[in-house]
Amino acid sequence: MTYHRKEVIGNATLYLGDCRSHDALDVMFNAQPVAVLSDPPFGIGYKSGYATDDLWVGGRAIANDENCDVRDAIANVFSHLPCLMFGSRKASLPPHHRMTLIWDKGPALGMGDLRLPWKPTTEEIYAMGNAAGFVGSRDKGAVVYHPPVQSMAKNGRQHPNEKPVGVLRILLQSLPAGTICDPFMGSGSTGVACMQEGRAFVGAEIDPAYFDIACKRIEDAQRQGNLFGDAACNP
């Protein structure tokens, strides 16, 4: 069954549906975004373990994660904008790739090969699209430090692949002023980061349960405004 719903919450516009649909693309383009910040399906056919069962509203698989088609389709659509998208080295690089950043989550979480003394606590972030659109004075390295979201639903996590708002706020500093677009909104963390930074936001999410969570989180963030200041951007 296909669900379609549009919600406007302050300076955020949210669309329930496949981000590749004409309706969703119209919503996102009409908002005139200046950049994309998103956590798309990685294209690695990820399946969750039992520990995150409470977070999976539709089974343990990520929608459209069987290959990179949906990620690459959106990367092509928004190639005229500066884009930052999370990804995995297990998949091919996305089109219009310019540079790979590394998100260092610290030693708190991570499994991997238990015979090794290191945990796999990093994730890739791809700088893509219009390279001239990024902002900053080249005083930053390619590693972004920030702890992950707590791993269990009982600790407040609302999505199995939820990104911390703090790391998204750090990334927003390298994107131009204006509306930020997230075609793979999930539970709305990018939208929350935009609300805390006073940025307009437009997003799409295919799953109705996560869409409802995103609406509530963004509405709460909109109501609170920027209560955390610059401190939330620091690890």
Protein backbone atom coordinates (compact mmCIF):
# COMPACT_ATOMS: atom_id res chain seq x y z
CA MET A 1 0.00 0.00 0.00
CA THR A 2 1.27 3.48 -0.85
CA TYR A 3 0.92 6.21 1.74
CA HIS A 4 1.04 9.90 0.89
CA ARG A 5 0.88 12.71 3.38
CA LYS A 6 2.35 16.19 3.61
CA GLU A 7 2.94 17.97 6.92
CA VAL A 8 4.14 21.55 7.36
CA ILE A 9 5.58 22.19 10.82
CA GLY A 10 6.87 25.73 11.14
CA ASN A 11 9.75 26.01 8.68
CA ALA A 12 9.83 22.25 8.05
CA THR A 13 7.96 20.47 5.24
CA LEU A 14 7.68 16.68 5.51
CA TYR A 15 6.42 14.24 2.90
CA LEU A 16 5.39 10.62 3.45
CA GLY A 17 6.25 8.55 0.39
CA ASP A 18 9.02 7.26 -1.84
CA CYS A 19 11.48 10.12 -2.38
CA ARG A 20 11.74 9.17 -6.08
CA SER A 21 8.04 9.78 -6.72
CA HIS A 22 6.97 12.85 -8.67
CA ASP A 23 4.96 14.08 -5.68
CA ALA A 24 7.89 13.85 -3.28
CA LEU A 25 10.31 15.43 -5.74
CA ASP A 26 7.86 18.28 -6.35
CA VAL A 27 7.61 18.91 -2.61
CA MET A 28 11.38 18.89 -2.19
CA PHE A 29 12.14 21.03 -5.25
CA ASN A 30 9.39 23.54 -4.42
CA ALA A 31 11.11 24.15 -1.09
CA GLN A 32 14.17 25.34 -3.09
CA PRO A 33 16.78 23.48 -1.02
CA VAL A 34 20.37 24.69 -1.07
CA ALA A 35 21.94 21.39 0.02
CA VAL A 36 21.25 17.74 0.88
CA LEU A 37 22.15 16.09 4.18
CA SER A 38 20.94 12.51 4.38
CA ASP A 39 21.47 8.92 5.51
CA PRO A 40 20.27 6.84 2.54
CA PRO A 41 20.09 3.06 2.22
CA PHE A 42 23.71 1.97 1.84
CA GLY A 43 22.98 -0.73 -0.73
CA ILE A 44 24.50 -3.56 1.34
CA GLY A 45 21.40 -5.62 2.15
CA TYR A 46 21.78 -5.00 5.87
CA LYS A 47 19.83 -7.18 8.30
CA SER A 48 19.56 -6.28 11.96
CA GLY A 49 20.21 -8.57 14.91
CA TYR A 50 17.77 -9.30 17.72
CA ALA A 51 19.10 -6.49 19.92
CA THR A 52 17.33 -3.82 17.88
CA ASP A 53 14.03 -5.64 17.35
CA ASP A 54 12.09 -2.94 19.22
CA LEU A 55 13.30 -0.32 16.72
CA TRP A 56 12.29 -2.08 13.51
CA VAL A 57 8.73 -1.23 12.60
CA GLY A 58 8.62 -3.32 9.44
CA GLY A 59 11.01 -6.24 9.93
CA ARG A 60 14.78 -6.20 10.12
CA ALA A 61 15.57 -5.00 6.62
CA ILE A 62 16.09 -1.45 5.38
CA ALA A 63 13.76 -0.39 2.57
CA ASN A 64 15.52 -0.27 -0.83
CA ASP A 65 18.83 -1.47 0.66
CA GLU A 66 19.22 -4.45 -1.70
CA ASN A 67 21.35 -2.29 -4.02
CA CYS A 68 22.47 1.32 -4.51
CA ASP A 69 19.80 2.24 -7.06
CA VAL A 70 17.69 4.53 -4.87
CA ARG A 71 20.75 6.27 -3.37
CA ASP A 72 22.27 6.85 -6.80
CA ALA A 73 18.98 8.03 -8.32
CA ILE A 74 18.66 10.75 -5.68
CA ALA A 75 22.35 11.63 -5.97
CA ASN A 76 21.78 12.28 -9.67
CA VAL A 77 18.62 14.31 -9.07
CA PHE A 78 20.40 16.63 -6.63
CA SER A 79 23.82 16.68 -8.30
CA HIS A 80 23.51 20.46 -8.76
CA LEU A 81 23.60 20.93 -4.96
CA PRO A 82 26.29 20.24 -2.37
CA CYS A 83 25.37 16.91 -0.78
CA LEU A 84 26.54 15.02 2.28
CA MET A 85 25.38 11.40 2.52
CA PHE A 86 26.37 8.67 4.94
CA GLY A 87 27.51 5.40 3.38
CA SER A 88 29.45 2.17 3.61
CA ARG A 89 32.74 1.07 2.04
CA LYS A 90 31.04 -2.28 1.38
CA ALA A 91 29.16 -0.61 -1.49
CA SER A 92 30.36 1.32 -4.53
CA LEU A 93 30.92 5.05 -4.26
CA PRO A 94 27.90 7.18 -5.22
CA PRO A 95 27.85 9.28 -8.41
CA HIS A 96 29.24 12.82 -8.19
CA HIS A 97 31.49 11.78 -5.30
CA ARG A 98 34.06 14.45 -4.39
CA MET A 99 35.57 13.33 -1.09
CA THR A 100 35.07 10.83 1.71
CA LEU A 101 34.82 12.03 5.32
CA ILE A 102 35.09 9.68 8.29
CA TRP A 103 32.72 9.80 11.24
CA ASP A 104 34.65 8.55 14.28
CA LYS A 105 32.15 7.34 16.88
CA GLY A 106 34.72 6.62 19.59
CA PRO A 107 35.14 3.25 21.34
CA ALA A 108 31.68 2.99 22.91
CA LEU A 109 30.02 0.70 20.36
CA GLY A 110 31.00 -1.73 17.62
CA MET A 111 31.36 -5.48 17.15
CA GLY A 112 33.17 -6.75 14.04
CA ASP A 113 35.68 -9.60 14.24
CA LEU A 114 35.93 -10.37 17.96
CA ARG A 115 39.42 -11.85 17.51
CA LEU A 116 40.81 -8.38 16.75
CA PRO A 117 41.65 -5.73 19.40
CA TRP A 118 39.87 -2.96 17.44
CA LYS A 119 36.18 -2.17 17.12
CA PRO A 120 34.75 -0.95 13.78
CA THR A 121 33.61 2.41 15.12
CA THR A 122 33.77 4.55 11.99
CA GLU A 123 31.34 5.34 9.21
CA GLU A 124 31.86 7.05 5.88
CA ILE A 125 30.26 10.33 4.81
CA TYR A 126 30.39 11.23 1.13
CA ALA A 127 30.78 14.82 -0.04
CA MET A 128 29.02 14.86 -3.39
CA GLY A 129 27.42 17.05 -6.01
CA ASN A 130 28.35 20.69 -6.47
CA ALA A 131 31.73 21.03 -4.77
CA ALA A 132 31.63 24.83 -5.09
CA GLY A 133 28.51 24.92 -2.92
CA PHE A 134 30.21 23.81 0.29
CA VAL A 135 31.24 26.53 2.74
CA GLY A 136 34.14 26.92 5.16
CA SER A 137 37.75 28.03 5.35
CA ARG A 138 39.45 24.62 4.90
CA ASP A 139 40.48 24.59 8.55
CA LYS A 140 38.86 21.20 9.22
CA GLY A 141 40.23 17.71 8.72
CA ALA A 142 38.31 14.87 7.11
CA VAL A 143 37.49 13.15 10.41
CA VAL A 144 34.36 14.14 12.36
CA TYR A 145 34.33 13.09 16.02
CA HIS A 146 31.02 12.47 17.77
CA PRO A 147 29.59 9.63 19.89
CA PRO A 148 26.73 7.57 18.43
CA VAL A 149 23.15 7.42 19.62
CA GLN A 150 22.60 4.97 22.48
CA SER A 151 22.07 1.49 21.05
CA MET A 152 18.83 0.46 22.78
CA ALA A 153 15.27 1.70 22.37
CA LYS A 154 14.94 1.84 26.16
CA ASN A 155 17.72 4.47 26.16
CA GLY A 156 15.84 6.73 23.79
CA ARG A 157 16.91 5.50 20.36
CA GLN A 158 14.02 5.79 17.88
CA HIS A 159 15.46 4.30 14.68
CA PRO A 160 17.87 1.36 14.16
CA ASN A 161 20.23 3.53 12.10
CA GLU A 162 19.58 6.83 13.88
CA LYS A 163 22.29 9.45 13.51
CA PRO A 164 23.07 11.74 16.47
CA VAL A 165 21.74 15.26 16.07
CA GLY A 166 25.12 16.61 17.19
CA VAL A 167 27.05 15.11 14.26
CA LEU A 168 24.43 16.43 11.85
CA ARG A 169 24.78 19.91 13.33
CA ILE A 170 28.54 19.69 12.76
CA LEU A 171 27.95 18.75 9.11
CA LEU A 172 25.44 21.58 8.67
CA GLN A 173 28.26 24.04 9.31
CA SER A 174 29.75 23.11 5.92
CA LEU A 175 26.50 23.61 4.01
CA PRO A 176 25.26 26.99 2.69
CA ALA A 177 22.54 29.02 4.38
CA GLY A 178 19.03 28.07 3.29
CA THR A 179 16.72 25.06 3.23
CA ILE A 180 18.27 21.64 3.84
CA CYS A 181 16.80 18.57 2.12
CA ASP A 182 16.75 15.00 3.47
CA PRO A 183 15.17 12.54 1.00
CA PHE A 184 15.69 9.63 3.44
CA MET A 185 14.40 11.25 6.61
CA GLY A 186 13.97 8.22 8.88
CA SER A 187 13.08 9.37 12.38
CA GLY A 188 13.87 12.99 11.51
CA SER A 189 17.30 13.61 13.04
CA THR A 190 18.41 15.92 10.21
CA GLY A 191 15.19 17.89 10.64
CA VAL A 192 15.79 18.20 14.38
CA ALA A 193 19.35 19.42 13.73
CA CYS A 194 17.98 22.02 11.31
CA MET A 195 15.42 23.23 13.85
CA GLN A 196 18.16 23.62 16.47
CA GLU A 197 20.28 25.54 13.97
CA GLY A 198 17.37 27.74 12.86
CA ARG A 199 17.46 26.25 9.35
CA ALA A 200 14.47 25.49 7.12
CA PHE A 201 14.04 21.81 6.28
CA VAL A 202 12.30 19.58 3.74
CA GLY A 203 12.28 15.81 4.03
CA ALA A 204 10.71 12.62 2.73
CA GLU A 205 10.25 9.24 4.44
CA ILE A 206 8.79 6.07 2.97
CA ASP A 207 7.75 4.37 6.23
CA PRO A 208 4.61 5.79 7.93
CA ALA A 209 5.69 4.78 11.44
CA TYR A 210 9.05 6.56 11.18
CA PHE A 211 7.32 9.48 9.47
CA ASP A 212 5.10 9.92 12.53
CA ILE A 213 8.15 9.80 14.80
CA ALA A 214 9.90 12.39 12.63
CA CYS A 215 6.87 14.70 12.75
CA LYS A 216 6.77 14.57 16.55
CA ARG A 217 10.52 15.05 16.99
CA ILE A 218 10.64 17.98 14.57
CA GLU A 219 7.55 19.56 16.11
CA ASP A 220 9.15 19.28 19.57
CA ALA A 221 12.42 20.76 18.27
CA GLN A 222 10.53 23.56 16.53
CA ARG A 223 8.78 24.38 19.79
CA GLN A 224 11.99 24.35 21.81
CA GLY A 225 14.05 26.35 19.34
CA ASN A 226 17.82 26.51 19.75
CA LEU A 227 18.09 25.68 23.45
CA PHE A 228 21.45 24.00 23.21
CA GLY A 229 23.52 26.63 21.43
CA ASP A 230 26.90 25.82 19.99
CA ALA A 231 27.66 23.26 22.73
CA ALA A 232 25.54 20.62 20.97
CA CYS A 233 27.92 20.74 18.01
CA ASN A 234 30.85 19.55 20.10
CA PRO A 235 31.59 15.88 20.81
